[in-house]
């Protein structure tokens, strides 16, 4: 089951309060690159409930997991 998150901050074209979902594909190391660059844990998410792309990365401090 894909986890659902509420964005606590704007990220690219996605506004705070929007729902996002775990991305099911390969992120080509983008999450790792963002974590290495910032020192902050990130998640790779998508706006599509089925987990398909496109994807984006976001710091975990900027998301809140929704109850199942």
PDB file of N, CA and C in Angstrom:
ATOM      1  N   UNK A   1       0.841  -1.179   0.000  1.00  0.00           N
ATOM      2  CA  UNK A   1       0.000   0.000   0.000  1.00  0.00           C
ATOM      3  C   UNK A   1       0.888   1.245   0.000  1.00  0.00           C
ATOM      4  N   UNK A   2       0.564   2.188  -0.837  1.00  0.00           N
ATOM      5  CA  UNK A   2       1.316   3.423  -0.948  1.00  0.00           C
ATOM      6  C   UNK A   2       0.974   4.364   0.199  1.00  0.00           C
ATOM      7  N   UNK A   3       2.008   4.929   0.823  1.00  0.00           N
ATOM      8  CA  UNK A   3       1.782   5.895   1.892  1.00  0.00           C
ATOM      9  C   UNK A   3       1.398   7.251   1.303  1.00  0.00           C
ATOM     10  N   UNK A   4       0.550   7.965   2.038  1.00  0.00           N
ATOM     11  CA  UNK A   4       0.070   9.275   1.624  1.00  0.00           C
ATOM     12  C   UNK A   4       0.618  10.328   2.577  1.00  0.00           C
ATOM     13  N   UNK A   5       1.009  11.468   2.006  1.00  0.00           N
ATOM     14  CA  UNK A   5       1.573  12.564   2.785  1.00  0.00           C
ATOM     15  C   UNK A   5       0.848  13.863   2.436  1.00  0.00           C
ATOM     16  N   UNK A   6       0.813  14.773   3.402  1.00  0.00           N
ATOM     17  CA  UNK A   6       0.331  16.126   3.161  1.00  0.00           C
ATOM     18  C   UNK A   6       1.564  17.033   3.155  1.00  0.00           C
ATOM     19  N   UNK A   7       1.678  17.861   2.123  1.00  0.00           N
ATOM     20  CA  UNK A   7       2.808  18.775   2.030  1.00  0.00           C
ATOM     21  C   UNK A   7       2.610  19.925   3.013  1.00  0.00           C
ATOM     22  N   UNK A   8       3.634  20.227   3.777  1.00  0.00           N
ATOM     23  CA  UNK A   8       3.593  21.315   4.745  1.00  0.00           C
ATOM     24  C   UNK A   8       4.221  22.587   4.185  1.00  0.00           C
ATOM     25  N   UNK A   9       4.824  22.462   2.997  1.00  0.00           N
ATOM     26  CA  UNK A   9       5.456  23.599   2.333  1.00  0.00           C
ATOM     27  C   UNK A   9       5.278  23.437   0.828  1.00  0.00           C
ATOM     28  N   UNK A  10       5.288  24.542   0.105  1.00  0.00           N
ATOM     29  CA  UNK A  10       5.226  24.486  -1.346  1.00  0.00           C
ATOM     30  C   UNK A  10       6.477  23.782  -1.875  1.00  0.00           C
ATOM     31  N   UNK A  11       6.298  22.997  -2.915  1.00  0.00           N
ATOM     32  CA  UNK A  11       7.428  22.313  -3.549  1.00  0.00           C
ATOM     33  C   UNK A  11       7.158  22.263  -5.039  1.00  0.00           C
ATOM     34  N   UNK A  12       7.961  22.957  -5.819  1.00  0.00           N
ATOM     35  CA  UNK A  12       7.772  23.074  -7.258  1.00  0.00           C
ATOM     36  C   UNK A  12       6.357  23.577  -7.536  1.00  0.00           C
ATOM     37  N   UNK A  13       5.571  22.870  -8.334  1.00  0.00           N
ATOM     38  CA  UNK A  13       4.201  23.307  -8.644  1.00  0.00           C
ATOM     39  C   UNK A  13       3.182  22.826  -7.624  1.00  0.00           C
ATOM     40  N   UNK A  14       3.609  22.153  -6.578  1.00  0.00           N
ATOM     41  CA  UNK A  14       2.701  21.576  -5.584  1.00  0.00           C
ATOM     42  C   UNK A  14       2.630  22.488  -4.370  1.00  0.00           C
ATOM     43  N   UNK A  15       1.440  22.883  -3.998  1.00  0.00           N
ATOM     44  CA  UNK A  15       1.217  23.824  -2.910  1.00  0.00           C
ATOM     45  C   UNK A  15       1.115  23.113  -1.568  1.00  0.00           C
ATOM     46  N   UNK A  16       1.471  23.820  -0.510  1.00  0.00           N
ATOM     47  CA  UNK A  16       1.297  23.305   0.844  1.00  0.00           C
ATOM     48  C   UNK A  16      -0.158  22.891   1.018  1.00  0.00           C
ATOM     49  N   UNK A  17      -0.388  21.761   1.655  1.00  0.00           N
ATOM     50  CA  UNK A  17      -1.732  21.215   1.836  1.00  0.00           C
ATOM     51  C   UNK A  17      -2.089  20.159   0.805  1.00  0.00           C
ATOM     52  N   UNK A  18      -1.335  20.098  -0.298  1.00  0.00           N
ATOM     53  CA  UNK A  18      -1.580  19.085  -1.327  1.00  0.00           C
ATOM     54  C   UNK A  18      -1.211  17.699  -0.802  1.00  0.00           C
ATOM     55  N   UNK A  19      -1.826  16.689  -1.397  1.00  0.00           N
ATOM     56  CA  UNK A  19      -1.469  15.309  -1.059  1.00  0.00           C
ATOM     57  C   UNK A  19      -0.408  14.806  -2.027  1.00  0.00           C
ATOM     58  N   UNK A  20       0.490  13.971  -1.519  1.00  0.00           N
ATOM     59  CA  UNK A  20       1.514  13.331  -2.334  1.00  0.00           C
ATOM     60  C   UNK A  20       1.655  11.896  -1.857  1.00  0.00           C
ATOM     61  N   UNK A  21       2.268  11.065  -2.697  1.00  0.00           N
ATOM     62  CA  UNK A  21       2.330   9.626  -2.461  1.00  0.00           C
ATOM     63  C   UNK A  21       3.745   9.137  -2.708  1.00  0.00           C
ATOM     64  N   UNK A  22       4.126   8.023  -2.065  1.00  0.00           N
ATOM     65  CA  UNK A  22       5.428   7.429  -2.325  1.00  0.00           C
ATOM     66  C   UNK A  22       5.562   7.135  -3.810  1.00  0.00           C
ATOM     67  N   UNK A  23       6.698   7.487  -4.375  1.00  0.00           N
ATOM     68  CA  UNK A  23       6.991   7.205  -5.769  1.00  0.00           C
ATOM     69  C   UNK A  23       7.440   5.757  -5.891  1.00  0.00           C
ATOM     70  N   UNK A  24       6.869   5.022  -6.839  1.00  0.00           N
ATOM     71  CA  UNK A  24       7.125   3.587  -6.964  1.00  0.00           C
ATOM     72  C   UNK A  24       8.303   3.263  -7.889  1.00  0.00           C
ATOM     73  N   UNK A  25       8.807   4.238  -8.620  1.00  0.00           N
ATOM     74  CA  UNK A  25       9.875   3.968  -9.575  1.00  0.00           C
ATOM     75  C   UNK A  25      11.249   4.318  -9.042  1.00  0.00           C
ATOM     76  N   UNK A  26      12.221   4.306  -9.929  1.00  0.00           N
ATOM     77  CA  UNK A  26      13.605   4.624  -9.603  1.00  0.00           C
ATOM     78  C   UNK A  26      13.808   6.122  -9.756  1.00  0.00           C
ATOM     79  N   UNK A  27      14.406   6.769  -8.767  1.00  0.00           N
ATOM     80  CA  UNK A  27      14.564   8.229  -8.825  1.00  0.00           C
ATOM     81  C   UNK A  27      15.935   8.671  -9.338  1.00  0.00           C
ATOM     82  N   UNK A  28      16.711   7.736  -9.880  1.00  0.00           N
ATOM     83  CA  UNK A  28      18.005   8.036 -10.505  1.00  0.00           C
ATOM     84  C   UNK A  28      18.983   8.715  -9.546  1.00  0.00           C
ATOM     85  N   UNK A  29      18.812   8.468  -8.254  1.00  0.00           N
ATOM     86  CA  UNK A  29      19.720   9.024  -7.268  1.00  0.00           C
ATOM     87  C   UNK A  29      19.404  10.442  -6.839  1.00  0.00           C
ATOM     88  N   UNK A  30      18.271  10.978  -7.277  1.00  0.00           N
ATOM     89  CA  UNK A  30      17.929  12.364  -6.938  1.00  0.00           C
ATOM     90  C   UNK A  30      17.776  12.575  -5.428  1.00  0.00           C
ATOM     91  N   UNK A  31      17.128  11.635  -4.753  1.00  0.00           N
ATOM     92  CA  UNK A  31      16.953  11.757  -3.306  1.00  0.00           C
ATOM     93  C   UNK A  31      18.311  11.767  -2.622  1.00  0.00           C
ATOM     94  N   UNK A  32      19.166  10.847  -3.011  1.00  0.00           N
ATOM     95  CA  UNK A  32      20.506  10.767  -2.439  1.00  0.00           C
ATOM     96  C   UNK A  32      21.285  12.065  -2.690  1.00  0.00           C
ATOM     97  N   UNK A  33      21.201  12.563  -3.914  1.00  0.00           N
ATOM     98  CA  UNK A  33      21.900  13.817  -4.242  1.00  0.00           C
ATOM     99  C   UNK A  33      21.404  14.966  -3.370  1.00  0.00           C
ATOM    100  N   UNK A  34      20.090  15.070  -3.204  1.00  0.00           N
ATOM    101  CA  UNK A  34      19.524  16.152  -2.386  1.00  0.00           C
ATOM    102  C   UNK A  34      19.945  16.014  -0.928  1.00  0.00           C
ATOM    103  N   UNK A  35      19.943  14.783  -0.425  1.00  0.00           N
ATOM    104  CA  UNK A  35      20.374  14.557   0.951  1.00  0.00           C
ATOM    105  C   UNK A  35      21.860  14.888   1.128  1.00  0.00           C
ATOM    106  N   UNK A  36      22.680  14.509   0.161  1.00  0.00           N
ATOM    107  CA  UNK A  36      24.112  14.788   0.235  1.00  0.00           C
ATOM    108  C   UNK A  36      24.382  16.291   0.173  1.00  0.00           C
ATOM    109  N   UNK A  37      23.625  16.982  -0.647  1.00  0.00           N
ATOM    110  CA  UNK A  37      23.805  18.428  -0.821  1.00  0.00           C
ATOM    111  C   UNK A  37      23.356  19.220   0.397  1.00  0.00           C
ATOM    112  N   UNK A  38      22.253  18.792   1.025  1.00  0.00           N
ATOM    113  CA  UNK A  38      21.658  19.584   2.105  1.00  0.00           C
ATOM    114  C   UNK A  38      21.911  19.025   3.503  1.00  0.00           C
ATOM    115  N   UNK A  39      22.222  17.733   3.600  1.00  0.00           N
ATOM    116  CA  UNK A  39      22.368  17.096   4.907  1.00  0.00           C
ATOM    117  C   UNK A  39      21.033  16.823   5.577  1.00  0.00           C
ATOM    118  N   UNK A  40      19.939  16.917   4.816  1.00  0.00           N
ATOM    119  CA  UNK A  40      18.582  16.731   5.332  1.00  0.00           C
ATOM    120  C   UNK A  40      17.959  15.514   4.650  1.00  0.00           C
ATOM    121  N   UNK A  41      17.314  14.647   5.427  1.00  0.00           N
ATOM    122  CA  UNK A  41      16.640  13.474   4.860  1.00  0.00           C
ATOM    123  C   UNK A  41      15.506  13.926   3.932  1.00  0.00           C
ATOM    124  N   UNK A  42      15.405  13.284   2.781  1.00  0.00           N
ATOM    125  CA  UNK A  42      14.365  13.569   1.784  1.00  0.00           C
ATOM    126  C   UNK A  42      13.557  12.307   1.497  1.00  0.00           C
ATOM    127  N   UNK A  43      12.403  12.484   0.887  1.00  0.00           N
ATOM    128  CA  UNK A  43      11.586  11.397   0.341  1.00  0.00           C
ATOM    129  C   UNK A  43      11.337  11.712  -1.133  1.00  0.00           C
ATOM    130  N   UNK A  44      11.141  10.654  -1.905  1.00  0.00           N
ATOM    131  CA  UNK A  44      10.785  10.801  -3.314  1.00  0.00           C
ATOM    132  C   UNK A  44       9.294  10.536  -3.420  1.00  0.00           C
ATOM    133  N   UNK A  45       8.555  11.538  -3.873  1.00  0.00           N
ATOM    134  CA  UNK A  45       7.094  11.476  -3.914  1.00  0.00           C
ATOM    135  C   UNK A  45       6.570  11.796  -5.299  1.00  0.00           C
ATOM    136  N   UNK A  46       5.282  11.560  -5.471  1.00  0.00           N
ATOM    137  CA  UNK A  46       4.564  11.886  -6.692  1.00  0.00           C
ATOM    138  C   UNK A  46       3.178  12.380  -6.315  1.00  0.00           C
ATOM    139  N   UNK A  47       2.551  13.098  -7.216  1.00  0.00           N
ATOM    140  CA  UNK A  47       1.181  13.566  -6.994  1.00  0.00           C
ATOM    141  C   UNK A  47       0.157  12.517  -7.401  1.00  0.00           C
ATOM    142  N   UNK A  48       0.616  11.401  -7.974  1.00  0.00           N
ATOM    143  CA  UNK A  48      -0.297  10.368  -8.469  1.00  0.00           C
ATOM    144  C   UNK A  48      -0.481   9.253  -7.445  1.00  0.00           C
ATOM    145  N   UNK A  49      -1.723   8.954  -7.066  1.00  0.00           N
ATOM    146  CA  UNK A  49      -1.986   7.925  -6.055  1.00  0.00           C
ATOM    147  C   UNK A  49      -1.442   6.538  -6.406  1.00  0.00           C
ATOM    148  N   UNK A  50      -1.250   6.249  -7.693  1.00  0.00           N
ATOM    149  CA  UNK A  50      -0.740   4.926  -8.078  1.00  0.00           C
ATOM    150  C   UNK A  50       0.784   4.833  -7.984  1.00  0.00           C
ATOM    151  N   UNK A  51       1.441   5.916  -7.580  1.00  0.00           N
ATOM    152  CA  UNK A  51       2.883   5.912  -7.401  1.00  0.00           C
ATOM    153  C   UNK A  51       3.687   6.151  -8.661  1.00  0.00           C
ATOM    154  N   UNK A  52       3.015   6.432  -9.773  1.00  0.00           N
ATOM    155  CA  UNK A  52       3.729   6.650 -11.032  1.00  0.00           C
ATOM    156  C   UNK A  52       4.246   8.092 -11.112  1.00  0.00           C
ATOM    157  N   UNK A  53       5.152   8.328 -12.054  1.00  0.00           N
ATOM    158  CA  UNK A  53       5.770   9.645 -12.212  1.00  0.00           C
ATOM    159  C   UNK A  53       4.863  10.653 -12.872  1.00  0.00           C
ATOM    160  N   UNK A  54       5.322  11.860 -12.915  1.00  0.00           N
ATOM    161  CA  UNK A  54       6.649  12.322 -12.536  1.00  0.00           C
ATOM    162  C   UNK A  54       6.824  12.375 -11.019  1.00  0.00           C
ATOM    163  N   UNK A  55       8.088  12.435 -10.591  1.00  0.00           N
ATOM    164  CA  UNK A  55       8.377  12.449  -9.160  1.00  0.00           C
ATOM    165  C   UNK A  55       9.056  13.751  -8.769  1.00  0.00           C
ATOM    166  N   UNK A  56       9.133  13.981  -7.471  1.00  0.00           N
ATOM    167  CA  UNK A  56       9.907  15.086  -6.916  1.00  0.00           C
ATOM    168  C   UNK A  56      10.434  14.655  -5.565  1.00  0.00           C
ATOM    169  N   UNK A  57      11.489  15.296  -5.109  1.00  0.00           N
ATOM    170  CA  UNK A  57      12.005  15.017  -3.772  1.00  0.00           C
ATOM    171  C   UNK A  57      11.640  16.180  -2.865  1.00  0.00           C
ATOM    172  N   UNK A  58      11.520  15.873  -1.580  1.00  0.00           N
ATOM    173  CA  UNK A  58      11.143  16.894  -0.611  1.00  0.00           C
ATOM    174  C   UNK A  58      11.728  16.509   0.747  1.00  0.00           C
ATOM    175  N   UNK A  59      12.190  17.492   1.520  1.00  0.00           N
ATOM    176  CA  UNK A  59      12.682  17.183   2.864  1.00  0.00           C
ATOM    177  C   UNK A  59      11.566  16.588   3.724  1.00  0.00           C
ATOM    178  N   UNK A  60      11.913  15.611   4.558  1.00  0.00           N
ATOM    179  CA  UNK A  60      10.897  14.965   5.388  1.00  0.00           C
ATOM    180  C   UNK A  60      10.268  15.947   6.380  1.00  0.00           C
ATOM    181  N   UNK A  61      10.969  17.008   6.724  1.00  0.00           N
ATOM    182  CA  UNK A  61      10.396  18.007   7.633  1.00  0.00           C
ATOM    183  C   UNK A  61       9.244  18.781   6.985  1.00  0.00           C
ATOM    184  N   UNK A  62       9.133  18.699   5.665  1.00  0.00           N
ATOM    185  CA  UNK A  62       8.111  19.433   4.925  1.00  0.00           C
ATOM    186  C   UNK A  62       6.911  18.577   4.528  1.00  0.00           C
ATOM    187  N   UNK A  63       6.808  17.360   5.106  1.00  0.00           N
ATOM    188  CA  UNK A  63       5.669  16.488   4.841  1.00  0.00           C
ATOM    189  C   UNK A  63       5.165  15.889   6.141  1.00  0.00           C
ATOM    190  N   UNK A  64       3.910  15.503   6.114  1.00  0.00           N
ATOM    191  CA  UNK A  64       3.286  14.818   7.267  1.00  0.00           C
ATOM    192  C   UNK A  64       2.546  13.607   6.723  1.00  0.00           C
ATOM    193  N   UNK A  65       2.877  12.438   7.253  1.00  0.00           N
ATOM    194  CA  UNK A  65       2.213  11.223   6.795  1.00  0.00           C
ATOM    195  C   UNK A  65       0.755  11.242   7.247  1.00  0.00           C
ATOM    196  N   UNK A  66      -0.147  10.897   6.348  1.00  0.00           N
ATOM    197  CA  UNK A  66      -1.585  10.817   6.658  1.00  0.00           C
ATOM    198  C   UNK A  66      -1.911   9.440   7.220  1.00  0.00           C
ATOM    199  N   UNK A  67      -2.869   9.394   8.083  1.00  0.00           N
ATOM    200  CA  UNK A  67      -3.316   8.114   8.657  1.00  0.00           C
ATOM    201  C   UNK A  67      -3.910   7.264   7.557  1.00  0.00           C
ATOM    202  N   UNK A  68      -3.684   5.935   7.609  1.00  0.00           N
ATOM    203  CA  UNK A  68      -4.227   5.046   6.564  1.00  0.00           C
ATOM    204  C   UNK A  68      -5.740   4.952   6.613  1.00  0.00           C
TER     205      UNK A  68
END
